[in-house]
């Protein structure tokens, strides 16, 4: 009887953890989607504009995949890479992104990092 109670308790615990993980994944997915929407909405200029936008969107997709694989540290790093790319687009000799848009994208990425990874 004790083994049955222990097994039931374990099952309830695992179910609760699974539900909590699913809710966290949904919140994370929403944050990443918002970051992606902001990335699609900003004006990126220059000859490499399409490539730069695709690179940024790819980093968000990579972060989402890492979260699905339960690798929050890797997801955090992908969003760090995103922020680095955003900074490089503003700091170049011919900026392809305005400072205001860069700040918005960086803020969205930071929020995604906090929501998705807690870091």
Protein backbone atom coordinates (compact mmCIF):
# COMPACT_ATOMS: atom_id res chain seq x y z
CA UNK A 1 0.00 0.00 0.00
CA UNK A 2 2.83 2.36 0.86
CA UNK A 3 4.43 1.78 -2.56
CA UNK A 4 1.14 2.63 -4.27
CA UNK A 5 0.83 5.87 -2.30
CA UNK A 6 4.45 6.76 -3.10
CA UNK A 7 3.91 5.99 -6.78
CA UNK A 8 0.73 8.08 -6.83
CA UNK A 9 2.50 10.96 -5.11
CA UNK A 10 5.31 10.77 -7.64
CA UNK A 11 2.82 10.75 -10.50
CA UNK A 12 1.00 13.79 -9.11
CA UNK A 13 4.32 15.60 -8.67
CA UNK A 14 5.45 14.80 -12.23
CA UNK A 15 2.10 15.88 -13.64
CA UNK A 16 2.29 19.17 -11.75
CA UNK A 17 5.84 19.73 -12.97
CA UNK A 18 4.81 18.94 -16.54
CA UNK A 19 1.91 21.39 -16.32
CA UNK A 20 4.17 24.08 -14.87
CA UNK A 21 6.73 23.46 -17.62
CA UNK A 22 4.02 23.71 -20.29
CA UNK A 23 2.79 27.01 -18.83
CA UNK A 24 6.35 28.36 -18.69
CA UNK A 25 6.95 27.23 -22.27
CA UNK A 26 3.81 29.09 -23.36
CA UNK A 27 4.91 32.30 -21.61
CA UNK A 28 8.38 31.95 -23.10
CA UNK A 29 6.96 31.33 -26.55
CA UNK A 30 4.86 34.49 -26.23
CA UNK A 31 7.90 36.56 -25.23
CA UNK A 32 9.94 35.18 -28.13
CA UNK A 33 7.06 35.83 -30.54
CA UNK A 34 6.91 39.44 -29.38
CA UNK A 35 10.65 39.80 -29.94
CA UNK A 36 10.20 38.32 -33.40
CA UNK A 37 7.33 40.73 -34.16
CA UNK A 38 9.44 43.70 -33.10
CA UNK A 39 12.29 42.43 -35.28
CA UNK A 40 9.98 42.20 -38.28
CA UNK A 41 8.55 45.68 -37.62
CA UNK A 42 11.74 47.76 -37.35
CA UNK A 43 13.33 49.45 -40.33
CA UNK A 44 16.64 47.88 -41.29
CA UNK A 45 18.54 49.66 -44.02
CA UNK A 46 21.56 48.95 -46.18
CA UNK A 47 22.58 46.35 -48.73
CA UNK A 48 22.51 43.57 -46.15
CA UNK A 49 19.12 44.49 -44.64
CA UNK A 50 17.39 41.25 -45.61
CA UNK A 51 20.32 39.16 -44.43
CA UNK A 52 20.59 41.07 -41.15
CA UNK A 53 16.88 40.61 -40.43
CA UNK A 54 17.09 36.90 -41.30
CA UNK A 55 20.07 36.53 -38.97
CA UNK A 56 18.19 38.16 -36.10
CA UNK A 57 15.07 36.08 -36.71
CA UNK A 58 17.20 32.95 -36.89
CA UNK A 59 18.67 33.68 -33.46
CA UNK A 60 15.17 33.97 -32.00
CA UNK A 61 14.17 30.68 -33.63
CA UNK A 62 17.34 29.07 -32.27
CA UNK A 63 16.50 30.32 -28.77
CA UNK A 64 12.97 28.87 -29.07
CA UNK A 65 14.40 25.51 -30.16
CA UNK A 66 16.86 25.48 -27.27
CA UNK A 67 14.02 26.10 -24.83
CA UNK A 68 12.01 23.25 -26.36
CA UNK A 69 15.07 21.03 -25.87
CA UNK A 70 15.20 22.18 -22.21
CA UNK A 71 18.53 23.96 -22.69
CA UNK A 72 17.88 27.39 -21.14
CA UNK A 73 21.57 28.31 -20.95
CA UNK A 74 21.90 27.79 -24.70
CA UNK A 75 18.71 29.78 -25.30
CA UNK A 76 20.10 32.59 -23.16
CA UNK A 77 23.29 32.57 -25.27
CA UNK A 78 21.31 32.73 -28.52
CA UNK A 79 19.55 35.84 -27.22
CA UNK A 80 22.93 37.28 -26.19
CA UNK A 81 24.07 36.68 -29.78
CA UNK A 82 20.92 38.50 -30.95
CA UNK A 83 21.72 41.50 -28.75
CA UNK A 84 25.32 41.53 -30.01
CA UNK A 85 24.11 41.55 -33.61
CA UNK A 86 21.69 44.40 -32.86
CA UNK A 87 24.52 46.41 -31.27
CA UNK A 88 26.79 45.81 -34.26
CA UNK A 89 24.10 47.09 -36.62
CA UNK A 90 23.98 50.40 -34.74
CA UNK A 91 27.69 50.78 -34.08
CA UNK A 92 28.92 50.23 -37.63
CA UNK A 93 30.25 53.08 -39.79
CA UNK A 94 26.97 52.97 -41.73
CA UNK A 95 24.35 52.04 -39.14
CA UNK A 96 21.56 49.87 -40.53
CA UNK A 97 19.35 50.29 -37.47
CA UNK A 98 18.34 53.36 -35.50
CA UNK A 99 19.37 53.71 -31.87
CA UNK A 100 15.70 53.81 -30.84
CA UNK A 101 14.89 50.57 -32.68
CA UNK A 102 18.03 48.94 -31.30
CA UNK A 103 16.97 49.80 -27.77
CA UNK A 104 13.51 48.34 -28.39
CA UNK A 105 14.95 45.11 -29.79
CA UNK A 106 17.48 44.81 -26.98
CA UNK A 107 14.79 45.36 -24.36
CA UNK A 108 12.59 42.70 -25.98
CA UNK A 109 15.50 40.25 -26.02
CA UNK A 110 16.29 40.93 -22.35
CA UNK A 111 12.66 40.38 -21.43
CA UNK A 112 12.68 37.10 -23.36
CA UNK A 113 15.83 36.04 -21.54
CA UNK A 114 14.28 36.75 -18.17
CA UNK A 115 10.95 35.07 -18.98
CA UNK A 116 12.44 32.04 -20.70
CA UNK A 117 15.54 31.35 -18.65
CA UNK A 118 15.14 33.26 -15.42
CA UNK A 119 18.67 34.60 -15.92
